[in-house]
Amino acid sequence: MDERRQKPSGRRSLDEAGDATRRTRLANERTYLAWWRTGLTSLAVGLGAGKLVPGITDNDSWGYQVVGAGFALLGMACIGYAFRRQAAVEEAIESGRFAPPDARITLGLTVAGLVLGLATVLLIASGN
């Protein structure tokens, strides 16, 4: 019995380089959408912290409004960076190189998230 594999009729041969580029572009698209999901989630948290919590708790604490606005700004930053990052990676794919994320931006987003998280914990702990 012949153990060799034959190409099914009507199908072209495997293009590994082209397939790798397509997979990389699809991964870039998924990452872009993940940045968007993170941004939209931050906007929702901002709305919840800044408007909903004070409205349902008889608490007019300006702290919740500040934290809510902070989360909204963080969400907008994530959505904005999504576009910038997607474009940088696409350009890198075209030129055959790698585009590392901007360490300053990722550090800034990390610090902002940590500060907002700490502020949220402090608001909850203080009972305001």
C-alpha atoms as a PDB file:
ATOM      1  CA  MET A   1       0.000   0.000   0.000  1.00  0.00           C
ATOM      2  CA  ASP A   2       1.325   3.440  -0.915  1.00  0.00           C
ATOM      3  CA  GLU A   3       1.763   5.515   2.287  1.00  0.00           C
ATOM      4  CA  ARG A   4       2.393   8.805   0.453  1.00  0.00           C
ATOM      5  CA  ARG A   5      -0.195  11.523   0.929  1.00  0.00           C
ATOM      6  CA  GLN A   6      -1.767  12.911  -2.144  1.00  0.00           C
ATOM      7  CA  LYS A   7      -3.136  16.397  -2.481  1.00  0.00           C
ATOM      8  CA  PRO A   8      -6.954  16.243  -2.632  1.00  0.00           C
ATOM      9  CA  SER A   9      -8.246  17.323  -5.991  1.00  0.00           C
ATOM     10  CA  GLY A  10      -9.115  20.998  -6.244  1.00  0.00           C
ATOM     11  CA  ARG A  11      -6.910  22.052  -3.322  1.00  0.00           C
ATOM     12  CA  ARG A  12      -3.704  23.980  -3.596  1.00  0.00           C
ATOM     13  CA  SER A  13      -0.489  23.099  -1.847  1.00  0.00           C
ATOM     14  CA  LEU A  14       0.276  24.441   1.604  1.00  0.00           C
ATOM     15  CA  ASP A  15       1.726  27.958   1.705  1.00  0.00           C
ATOM     16  CA  GLU A  16       3.350  28.038   5.143  1.00  0.00           C
ATOM     17  CA  ALA A  17       4.713  31.595   4.888  1.00  0.00           C
ATOM     18  CA  GLY A  18       1.419  32.973   3.633  1.00  0.00           C
ATOM     19  CA  ASP A  19      -0.520  31.042   6.255  1.00  0.00           C
ATOM     20  CA  ALA A  20       1.763  32.344   9.013  1.00  0.00           C
ATOM     21  CA  THR A  21       1.189  35.918   7.834  1.00  0.00           C
ATOM     22  CA  ARG A  22      -2.576  35.380   7.771  1.00  0.00           C
ATOM     23  CA  ARG A  23      -2.505  33.888  11.278  1.00  0.00           C
ATOM     24  CA  THR A  24      -0.419  36.821  12.512  1.00  0.00           C
ATOM     25  CA  ARG A  25      -2.879  39.301  11.015  1.00  0.00           C
ATOM     26  CA  LEU A  26      -5.803  37.474  12.590  1.00  0.00           C
ATOM     27  CA  ALA A  27      -3.988  37.463  15.952  1.00  0.00           C
ATOM     28  CA  ASN A  28      -3.448  41.207  15.558  1.00  0.00           C
ATOM     29  CA  GLU A  29      -7.158  41.641  14.923  1.00  0.00           C
ATOM     30  CA  ARG A  30      -8.046  39.579  18.009  1.00  0.00           C
ATOM     31  CA  THR A  31      -5.659  41.672  20.092  1.00  0.00           C
ATOM     32  CA  TYR A  32      -7.212  44.867  18.723  1.00  0.00           C
ATOM     33  CA  LEU A  33     -10.643  43.606  19.746  1.00  0.00           C
ATOM     34  CA  ALA A  34      -9.315  42.628  23.199  1.00  0.00           C
ATOM     35  CA  TRP A  35      -8.103  46.214  23.720  1.00  0.00           C
ATOM     36  CA  TRP A  36     -11.592  47.375  22.724  1.00  0.00           C
ATOM     37  CA  ARG A  37     -13.243  44.953  25.162  1.00  0.00           C
ATOM     38  CA  THR A  38     -10.970  46.197  27.926  1.00  0.00           C
ATOM     39  CA  GLY A  39     -11.787  49.802  27.042  1.00  0.00           C
ATOM     40  CA  LEU A  40     -15.536  49.177  26.951  1.00  0.00           C
ATOM     41  CA  THR A  41     -15.352  47.332  30.268  1.00  0.00           C
ATOM     42  CA  SER A  42     -13.503  50.270  31.827  1.00  0.00           C
ATOM     43  CA  LEU A  43     -16.163  52.640  30.500  1.00  0.00           C
ATOM     44  CA  ALA A  44     -18.872  50.445  32.049  1.00  0.00           C
ATOM     45  CA  VAL A  45     -17.021  50.343  35.373  1.00  0.00           C
ATOM     46  CA  GLY A  46     -16.690  54.127  35.196  1.00  0.00           C
ATOM     47  CA  LEU A  47     -20.424  54.497  34.685  1.00  0.00           C
ATOM     48  CA  GLY A  48     -21.144  52.110  37.526  1.00  0.00           C
ATOM     49  CA  ALA A  49     -18.743  53.730  39.969  1.00  0.00           C
ATOM     50  CA  GLY A  50     -19.467  57.321  39.033  1.00  0.00           C
ATOM     51  CA  LYS A  51     -23.231  57.263  38.516  1.00  0.00           C
ATOM     52  CA  LEU A  52     -24.907  54.027  39.549  1.00  0.00           C
ATOM     53  CA  VAL A  53     -23.302  53.419  42.947  1.00  0.00           C
ATOM     54  CA  PRO A  54     -23.966  56.946  44.257  1.00  0.00           C
ATOM     55  CA  GLY A  55     -27.515  56.773  42.878  1.00  0.00           C
ATOM     56  CA  ILE A  56     -28.474  53.557  44.654  1.00  0.00           C
ATOM     57  CA  THR A  57     -26.659  54.096  47.950  1.00  0.00           C
ATOM     58  CA  ASP A  58     -27.790  57.573  49.063  1.00  0.00           C
ATOM     59  CA  ASN A  59     -24.122  58.463  48.835  1.00  0.00           C
ATOM     60  CA  ASP A  60     -23.124  61.614  46.979  1.00  0.00           C
ATOM     61  CA  SER A  61     -19.428  60.994  47.551  1.00  0.00           C
ATOM     62  CA  TRP A  62     -17.358  62.890  45.020  1.00  0.00           C
ATOM     63  CA  GLY A  63     -14.830  60.057  45.369  1.00  0.00           C
ATOM     64  CA  TYR A  64     -17.032  57.707  43.361  1.00  0.00           C
ATOM     65  CA  GLN A  65     -17.386  60.310  40.642  1.00  0.00           C
ATOM     66  CA  VAL A  66     -13.614  60.816  40.482  1.00  0.00           C
ATOM     67  CA  VAL A  67     -12.964  57.067  40.353  1.00  0.00           C
ATOM     68  CA  GLY A  68     -15.707  56.674  37.735  1.00  0.00           C
ATOM     69  CA  ALA A  69     -14.208  59.415  35.593  1.00  0.00           C
ATOM     70  CA  GLY A  70     -10.789  57.802  35.996  1.00  0.00           C
ATOM     71  CA  PHE A  71     -12.069  54.449  34.773  1.00  0.00           C
ATOM     72  CA  ALA A  72     -13.770  56.186  31.837  1.00  0.00           C
ATOM     73  CA  LEU A  73     -10.487  57.894  30.906  1.00  0.00           C
ATOM     74  CA  LEU A  74      -8.672  54.568  31.220  1.00  0.00           C
ATOM     75  CA  GLY A  75     -11.227  53.000  28.881  1.00  0.00           C
ATOM     76  CA  MET A  76     -10.769  55.740  26.312  1.00  0.00           C
ATOM     77  CA  ALA A  77      -6.987  55.339  26.546  1.00  0.00           C
ATOM     78  CA  CYS A  78      -7.295  51.597  25.901  1.00  0.00           C
ATOM     79  CA  ILE A  79      -9.481  52.138  22.849  1.00  0.00           C
ATOM     80  CA  GLY A  80      -7.129  54.809  21.515  1.00  0.00           C
ATOM     81  CA  TYR A  81      -4.059  52.652  22.068  1.00  0.00           C
ATOM     82  CA  ALA A  82      -5.838  49.755  20.337  1.00  0.00           C
ATOM     83  CA  PHE A  83      -5.842  51.678  17.079  1.00  0.00           C
ATOM     84  CA  ARG A  84      -2.235  52.790  17.432  1.00  0.00           C
ATOM     85  CA  ARG A  85      -1.018  49.300  18.360  1.00  0.00           C
ATOM     86  CA  GLN A  86      -2.964  47.585  15.571  1.00  0.00           C
ATOM     87  CA  ALA A  87      -1.501  49.958  12.995  1.00  0.00           C
ATOM     88  CA  ALA A  88       2.052  49.507  14.322  1.00  0.00           C
ATOM     89  CA  VAL A  89       1.789  45.716  14.211  1.00  0.00           C
ATOM     90  CA  GLU A  90       0.295  45.774  10.710  1.00  0.00           C
ATOM     91  CA  GLU A  91       3.166  47.966   9.522  1.00  0.00           C
ATOM     92  CA  ALA A  92       5.662  45.599  11.156  1.00  0.00           C
ATOM     93  CA  ILE A  93       4.066  42.601   9.450  1.00  0.00           C
ATOM     94  CA  GLU A  94       4.361  44.354   6.091  1.00  0.00           C
ATOM     95  CA  SER A  95       8.052  45.078   6.630  1.00  0.00           C
ATOM     96  CA  GLY A  96       8.874  41.692   8.161  1.00  0.00           C
ATOM     97  CA  ARG A  97       9.801  42.918  11.631  1.00  0.00           C
ATOM     98  CA  PHE A  98       8.417  42.859  15.160  1.00  0.00           C
ATOM     99  CA  ALA A  99       6.687  45.810  16.829  1.00  0.00           C
ATOM    100  CA  PRO A 100       7.008  45.626  20.601  1.00  0.00           C
ATOM    101  CA  PRO A 101       4.380  47.462  22.640  1.00  0.00           C
ATOM    102  CA  ASP A 102       5.331  50.922  23.859  1.00  0.00           C
ATOM    103  CA  ALA A 103       6.599  50.297  27.391  1.00  0.00           C
ATOM    104  CA  ARG A 104       5.703  53.823  28.515  1.00  0.00           C
ATOM    105  CA  ILE A 105       2.093  53.402  27.479  1.00  0.00           C
ATOM    106  CA  THR A 106       1.701  49.949  28.979  1.00  0.00           C
ATOM    107  CA  LEU A 107       3.346  51.161  32.201  1.00  0.00           C
ATOM    108  CA  GLY A 108       1.019  54.169  32.297  1.00  0.00           C
ATOM    109  CA  LEU A 109      -2.056  51.999  31.766  1.00  0.00           C
ATOM    110  CA  THR A 110      -0.857  49.579  34.443  1.00  0.00           C
ATOM    111  CA  VAL A 111      -0.228  52.341  36.976  1.00  0.00           C
ATOM    112  CA  ALA A 112      -3.592  53.940  36.186  1.00  0.00           C
ATOM    113  CA  GLY A 113      -5.369  50.620  36.687  1.00  0.00           C
ATOM    114  CA  LEU A 114      -3.575  49.984  39.983  1.00  0.00           C
ATOM    115  CA  VAL A 115      -4.310  53.491  41.298  1.00  0.00           C
ATOM    116  CA  LEU A 116      -7.977  53.258  40.302  1.00  0.00           C
ATOM    117  CA  GLY A 117      -8.236  49.784  41.828  1.00  0.00           C
ATOM    118  CA  LEU A 118      -6.704  51.017  45.088  1.00  0.00           C
ATOM    119  CA  ALA A 119      -9.009  54.044  45.110  1.00  0.00           C
ATOM    120  CA  THR A 120     -11.992  51.749  44.631  1.00  0.00           C
ATOM    121  CA  VAL A 121     -10.896  49.522  47.515  1.00  0.00           C
ATOM    122  CA  LEU A 122     -10.427  52.573  49.745  1.00  0.00           C
ATOM    123  CA  LEU A 123     -13.873  53.927  48.854  1.00  0.00           C
ATOM    124  CA  ILE A 124     -15.492  50.590  49.620  1.00  0.00           C
ATOM    125  CA  ALA A 125     -13.544  50.173  52.872  1.00  0.00           C
ATOM    126  CA  SER A 126     -14.389  53.679  54.057  1.00  0.00           C
ATOM    127  CA  GLY A 127     -18.097  53.062  53.561  1.00  0.00           C
ATOM    128  CA  ASN A 128     -18.525  56.350  51.677  1.00  0.00           C
END
